[in-house]
Amino acid sequence: MPIRKAVIPAAGLGTRFLPATKAIPKEMLPVVDTPAIQYVVEEAVRAGLTDVLMITGRNKRALEDHFDRAVELEHNLQVKGDTDKLAAVHAASELAEVHYVRQGDPRGLGHAVLAAAAHVGQEPFAVLLGDDLVDARDPLLEHMIEVQECQGGSVVALMEVPHDQISLYGCAAIEATGDAGGDVVRITGLVEKPPVDEAPSNLAIIGRYILSPTVFEVLRRTPPGRGGEIQLTDALQELICLEPVHGVVFRGRRYDTGDRLDYLKTVVRLAAERPDIGPPLLDWLRDWLSKQ
């Protein structure tokens, strides 16, 4: 079946960004002038996935407001003749058909994905994690969809990381498929945050998945794993025994907004590439650094 739906888990508490996230969802923190979550929805839409389900929790109402109409604001901008800002406000509410379901008791990524079962049904679907932003110039999700349509089963995005950092990620054991580009591999095993000396490779799972609906059956019987949570990685490990699971090794531009330092790096990198603010920002940075 063609892939039409994207699931975006967004129920996390964002504790790394406290106190900013005490009243604001971490997904709404701005990356330059756009909430991080909007970059993720835009990525799904570019790949043709206009049916988006967000898995939310308490204190996430701002997500719904952002992708909804803001009639009074739009009217004020129209009266002022501020067409650029009006177009930006319209764009957020017209991106996709966005649905919401509450996870309730957050019990891990696997539990969040399982909350999408009723909406997804018996179709393959995409999962996009909000902490990972993929550059629009690097069509990772489109490539993953092509692999799934050709090979069936599920597809996981992988990225090479320094070996001493692999314990921060889910890790994949792989074998070659004969793919001409060398970026499509067969996954033979997965382990969540292994010790460095036990990691089967330096290929880390990053936050993009194309999943077969079979994953819901597996998640329903997956016990809590690392951290007492239902881990999606554990379910995928069982899924490998049932149907093909492939990996796409991503070598493009990825931006991490999951912790404070990486978030700041992301803001600076994306702002520096903006034609409207990039040149004066770079001039200021060079001047400031020269004085340090």
Protein backbone atom coordinates (compact mmCIF):
# COMPACT_ATOMS: atom_id res chain seq x y z
CA MET A 1 0.00 0.00 0.00
CA PRO A 2 1.24 3.54 -0.63
CA ILE A 3 2.48 5.39 2.44
CA ARG A 4 0.16 8.27 3.26
CA LYS A 5 0.45 8.86 6.99
CA ALA A 6 3.11 10.28 9.27
CA VAL A 7 3.22 9.89 13.06
CA ILE A 8 5.12 12.44 15.15
CA PRO A 9 5.55 11.55 18.84
CA ALA A 10 5.43 14.81 20.82
CA ALA A 11 4.45 13.84 24.35
CA GLY A 12 7.85 14.28 26.01
CA LEU A 13 8.27 16.60 28.99
CA GLY A 14 11.31 18.44 27.61
CA THR A 15 13.10 18.43 30.95
CA ARG A 16 16.48 19.22 29.36
CA PHE A 17 15.17 22.69 28.53
CA LEU A 18 13.65 23.61 31.86
CA PRO A 19 12.59 26.17 32.94
CA ALA A 20 11.73 27.25 29.36
CA THR A 21 9.57 24.16 28.85
CA LYS A 22 7.63 24.49 32.10
CA ALA A 23 4.77 26.12 30.18
CA ILE A 24 5.86 25.77 26.53
CA PRO A 25 6.19 22.42 24.72
CA LYS A 26 9.80 21.82 23.72
CA GLU A 27 8.55 21.18 20.17
CA MET A 28 7.47 24.83 20.02
CA LEU A 29 10.92 26.22 20.83
CA PRO A 30 11.91 28.40 17.86
CA VAL A 31 14.64 27.44 15.43
CA VAL A 32 15.34 30.96 14.18
CA ASP A 33 11.70 32.03 13.70
CA THR A 34 9.93 28.72 13.13
CA PRO A 35 8.96 26.15 15.80
CA ALA A 36 11.04 22.98 15.59
CA ILE A 37 7.90 20.88 15.09
CA GLN A 38 7.00 22.77 11.92
CA TYR A 39 10.27 21.71 10.27
CA VAL A 40 9.29 18.10 10.92
CA VAL A 41 5.78 18.49 9.49
CA GLU A 42 7.21 20.24 6.44
CA GLU A 43 9.56 17.30 5.89
CA ALA A 44 6.66 14.86 5.97
CA VAL A 45 4.70 16.99 3.51
CA ARG A 46 7.65 17.20 1.10
CA ALA A 47 7.64 13.40 1.05
CA GLY A 48 3.93 13.36 0.15
CA LEU A 49 2.62 12.55 3.63
CA THR A 50 -0.14 15.07 4.29
CA ASP A 51 -2.03 13.02 6.90
CA VAL A 52 -0.11 13.75 10.10
CA LEU A 53 -0.87 12.37 13.55
CA MET A 54 0.81 13.95 16.56
CA ILE A 55 1.05 11.92 19.74
CA THR A 56 0.76 14.53 22.47
CA GLY A 57 0.30 14.75 26.21
CA ARG A 58 -0.57 17.30 28.86
CA ASN A 59 0.58 20.90 28.31
CA LYS A 60 0.74 20.46 24.51
CA ARG A 61 -2.20 22.62 23.48
CA ALA A 62 0.18 25.09 21.81
CA LEU A 63 0.90 22.48 19.13
CA GLU A 64 -2.75 22.39 18.13
CA ASP A 65 -2.99 26.16 18.19
CA HIS A 66 0.05 26.56 15.97
CA PHE A 67 -1.34 24.38 13.17
CA ASP A 68 -4.83 25.86 13.48
CA ARG A 69 -6.20 29.09 12.02
CA ALA A 70 -5.58 32.32 13.94
CA VAL A 71 -8.40 34.43 12.56
CA GLU A 72 -7.86 37.56 14.66
CA LEU A 73 -4.11 37.59 14.00
CA GLU A 74 -4.65 37.02 10.28
CA HIS A 75 -7.16 39.87 10.17
CA ASN A 76 -4.78 42.28 11.91
CA LEU A 77 -1.94 41.39 9.56
CA GLN A 78 -4.22 41.82 6.56
CA VAL A 79 -5.36 45.26 7.76
CA LYS A 80 -1.73 46.31 8.22
CA GLY A 81 -0.84 45.03 4.76
CA ASP A 82 1.88 42.77 6.22
CA THR A 83 1.61 40.15 3.49
CA ASP A 84 4.86 38.31 4.30
CA LYS A 85 3.88 37.57 7.91
CA LEU A 86 0.33 36.75 6.82
CA ALA A 87 1.65 34.20 4.33
CA ALA A 88 3.84 32.64 7.04
CA VAL A 89 0.88 32.33 9.42
CA HIS A 90 -1.29 30.82 6.68
CA ALA A 91 1.46 28.33 5.75
CA ALA A 92 1.46 26.69 9.18
CA SER A 93 -2.29 26.09 9.17
CA GLU A 94 -2.39 24.85 5.57
CA LEU A 95 0.56 22.47 5.61
CA ALA A 96 -1.26 19.21 6.26
CA GLU A 97 -4.29 17.55 7.76
CA VAL A 98 -3.06 17.31 11.34
CA HIS A 99 -4.70 15.03 13.92
CA TYR A 100 -3.92 14.60 17.61
CA VAL A 101 -4.16 11.81 20.13
CA ARG A 102 -2.98 11.88 23.73
CA GLN A 103 -0.56 9.24 24.91
CA GLY A 104 -1.79 9.56 28.48
CA ASP A 105 0.81 7.84 30.62
CA PRO A 106 4.10 8.29 28.70
CA ARG A 107 5.80 4.90 28.72
CA GLY A 108 8.40 5.26 26.00
CA LEU A 109 8.65 5.66 22.25
CA GLY A 110 7.19 2.23 21.56
CA HIS A 111 4.14 3.10 23.65
CA ALA A 112 3.76 6.39 21.77
CA VAL A 113 3.85 4.64 18.39
CA LEU A 114 1.28 2.11 19.61
CA ALA A 115 -1.07 5.01 20.40
CA ALA A 116 -1.25 5.62 16.63
CA ALA A 117 -2.66 2.16 15.83
CA ALA A 118 -6.32 3.18 15.50
CA HIS A 119 -5.51 6.09 13.21
CA VAL A 120 -2.97 4.26 11.03
CA GLY A 121 -4.87 0.99 10.60
CA GLN A 122 -3.31 -1.66 8.37
CA GLU A 123 -1.04 0.62 6.36
CA PRO A 124 2.70 1.21 6.37
CA PHE A 125 3.45 4.60 7.90
CA ALA A 126 6.27 6.97 8.74
CA VAL A 127 7.47 7.96 12.20
CA LEU A 128 9.40 11.21 12.56
CA LEU A 129 10.97 12.20 15.87
CA GLY A 130 10.90 15.90 16.61
CA ASP A 131 14.44 16.18 18.01
CA ASP A 132 15.97 15.35 14.61
CA LEU A 133 15.66 17.93 11.84
CA VAL A 134 16.72 16.79 8.36
CA ASP A 135 17.81 19.41 5.87
CA ALA A 136 15.30 19.95 3.07
CA ARG A 137 18.12 19.56 0.54
CA ASP A 138 18.70 15.95 1.63
CA PRO A 139 15.57 13.87 0.85
CA LEU A 140 16.06 11.09 3.40
CA LEU A 141 12.39 10.31 3.97
CA GLU A 142 11.66 10.12 0.24
CA HIS A 143 14.50 7.63 -0.18
CA MET A 144 13.25 5.52 2.72
CA ILE A 145 9.77 5.41 1.18
CA GLU A 146 11.26 4.21 -2.12
CA VAL A 147 13.14 1.44 -0.31
CA GLN A 148 10.01 0.32 1.53
CA GLU A 149 7.94 0.28 -1.67
CA CYS A 150 10.61 -1.88 -3.32
CA GLN A 151 11.54 -4.18 -0.42
CA GLY A 152 8.43 -4.19 1.79
CA GLY A 153 8.67 -4.54 5.55
CA SER A 154 10.12 -1.66 7.54
CA VAL A 155 12.97 0.81 6.99
CA VAL A 156 15.08 2.55 9.63
CA ALA A 157 17.34 5.59 9.14
CA LEU A 158 20.93 5.05 10.27
CA MET A 159 23.91 7.35 10.62
CA GLU A 160 27.57 6.69 11.34
CA VAL A 161 28.69 8.15 14.67
CA PRO A 162 32.06 8.04 16.48
CA HIS A 163 32.37 4.63 18.08
CA ASP A 164 32.76 6.07 21.56
CA GLN A 165 29.34 7.78 21.23
CA ILE A 166 27.32 4.75 20.12
CA SER A 167 26.11 4.08 23.67
CA LEU A 168 23.96 7.23 23.34
CA TYR A 169 21.88 5.68 20.55
CA GLY A 170 20.08 2.60 19.39
CA CYS A 171 22.58 0.61 17.34
CA ALA A 172 22.17 -1.67 14.31
CA ALA A 173 23.95 -4.84 13.21
CA ILE A 174 23.81 -4.96 9.42
CA GLU A 175 24.75 -6.91 6.33
CA ALA A 176 25.20 -5.65 2.77
CA THR A 177 22.43 -5.91 0.20
CA GLY A 178 24.43 -5.27 -2.95
CA ASP A 179 22.88 -1.82 -3.28
CA ALA A 180 24.90 0.13 -5.83
CA GLY A 181 25.18 3.22 -3.65
CA GLY A 182 26.01 1.23 -0.54
CA ASP A 183 23.52 3.14 1.58
CA VAL A 184 20.78 0.47 1.75
CA VAL A 185 21.59 -2.36 4.16
CA ARG A 186 19.74 -5.27 5.73
CA ILE A 187 19.38 -4.97 9.50
CA THR A 188 20.07 -8.22 11.34
CA GLY A 189 19.89 -6.96 14.90
CA LEU A 190 19.16 -3.89 17.01
CA VAL A 191 20.13 -2.96 20.54
CA GLU A 192 19.19 0.13 22.54
CA LYS A 193 22.17 2.16 23.88
CA PRO A 194 24.71 -0.67 24.10
CA PRO A 195 27.98 -0.37 26.01
CA VAL A 196 30.72 0.75 23.61
CA ASP A 197 32.54 -2.59 23.79
CA GLU A 198 29.32 -4.51 22.98
CA ALA A 199 28.06 -2.39 20.10
CA PRO A 200 27.74 -4.39 16.84
CA SER A 201 28.63 -1.34 14.70
CA ASN A 202 28.92 2.44 14.76
CA LEU A 203 25.60 2.82 12.91
CA ALA A 204 23.16 4.70 15.11
CA ILE A 205 19.39 4.83 14.67
CA ILE A 206 18.23 8.37 13.99
CA GLY A 207 14.67 9.56 14.28
CA ARG A 208 13.13 8.45 10.99
CA TYR A 209 11.27 5.18 10.43
CA ILE A 210 8.98 3.64 7.84
CA LEU A 211 7.08 0.94 9.70
CA SER A 212 4.92 -1.96 8.68
CA PRO A 213 1.59 -2.17 10.56
CA THR A 214 2.85 -5.51 11.93
CA VAL A 215 4.80 -3.41 14.42
CA PHE A 216 1.56 -2.75 16.34
CA GLU A 217 1.06 -6.48 17.00
CA VAL A 218 4.65 -6.70 18.23
CA LEU A 219 4.40 -3.59 20.42
CA ARG A 220 1.30 -4.94 22.17
CA ARG A 221 3.38 -7.82 23.52
CA THR A 222 6.68 -5.96 24.03
CA PRO A 223 7.53 -5.73 27.75
CA PRO A 224 9.16 -2.66 29.27
CA GLY A 225 12.87 -2.57 28.52
CA ARG A 226 15.62 -0.07 29.18
CA GLY A 227 14.51 2.63 31.61
CA GLY A 228 11.30 0.73 32.34
CA GLU A 229 9.83 1.97 29.05
CA ILE A 230 8.43 0.17 26.00
CA GLN A 231 11.26 0.59 23.53
CA LEU A 232 10.56 0.76 19.81
CA THR A 233 14.03 -0.71 19.25
CA ASP A 234 13.04 -3.84 21.18
CA ALA A 235 9.93 -4.26 19.02
CA LEU A 236 11.95 -3.82 15.83
CA GLN A 237 14.37 -6.49 17.03
CA GLU A 238 11.45 -8.94 17.14
CA LEU A 239 10.08 -7.62 13.85
CA ILE A 240 13.33 -8.67 12.13
CA CYS A 241 12.30 -12.29 12.71
CA LEU A 242 8.93 -11.74 11.01
CA GLU A 243 9.62 -9.61 7.93
CA PRO A 244 12.39 -7.61 6.25
CA VAL A 245 13.84 -4.62 8.07
CA HIS A 246 16.22 -2.49 6.02
CA GLY A 247 18.36 0.48 6.93
CA VAL A 248 19.19 3.58 4.93
CA VAL A 249 22.57 5.03 5.90
CA PHE A 250 22.14 8.79 5.88
CA ARG A 251 25.15 10.95 5.01
CA GLY A 252 23.38 14.28 4.66
CA ARG A 253 22.71 17.22 6.94
CA ARG A 254 20.95 16.49 10.22
CA TYR A 255 20.36 18.94 13.04
CA ASP A 256 19.84 17.80 16.63
CA THR A 257 17.56 19.89 18.85
CA GLY A 258 17.49 17.35 21.67
CA ASP A 259 19.83 19.13 24.08
CA ARG A 260 20.77 22.73 24.74
CA LEU A 261 24.15 22.86 23.05
CA ASP A 262 23.04 21.05 19.89
CA TYR A 263 19.92 23.19 19.80
CA LEU A 264 22.02 26.37 19.84
CA LYS A 265 24.27 24.97 17.11
CA THR A 266 21.20 24.23 15.00
CA VAL A 267 19.85 27.76 15.39
CA VAL A 268 23.19 29.31 14.43
CA ARG A 269 23.75 27.01 11.44
CA LEU A 270 20.30 27.54 9.97
CA ALA A 271 20.29 31.27 10.68
CA ALA A 272 23.71 31.65 9.02
CA GLU A 273 22.30 30.16 5.80
CA ARG A 274 19.34 32.53 5.68
CA PRO A 275 19.81 35.24 3.01
CA ASP A 276 17.91 37.80 5.11
CA ILE A 277 19.87 37.49 8.35
CA GLY A 278 22.84 35.23 7.54
CA PRO A 279 25.36 37.84 6.27
CA PRO A 280 25.00 40.28 9.20
CA LEU A 281 24.96 37.37 11.67
CA LEU A 282 28.22 35.97 10.27
CA ASP A 283 29.81 39.43 10.33
CA TRP A 284 28.83 39.82 13.98
CA LEU A 285 30.08 36.32 14.87
CA ARG A 286 33.48 36.95 13.23
CA ASP A 287 33.82 40.28 15.05
CA TRP A 288 32.75 38.79 18.38
CA LEU A 289 35.06 35.79 18.08
CA SER A 290 38.02 37.99 17.16
CA LYS A 291 37.64 39.75 20.50
CA GLN A 292 37.50 36.60 22.63
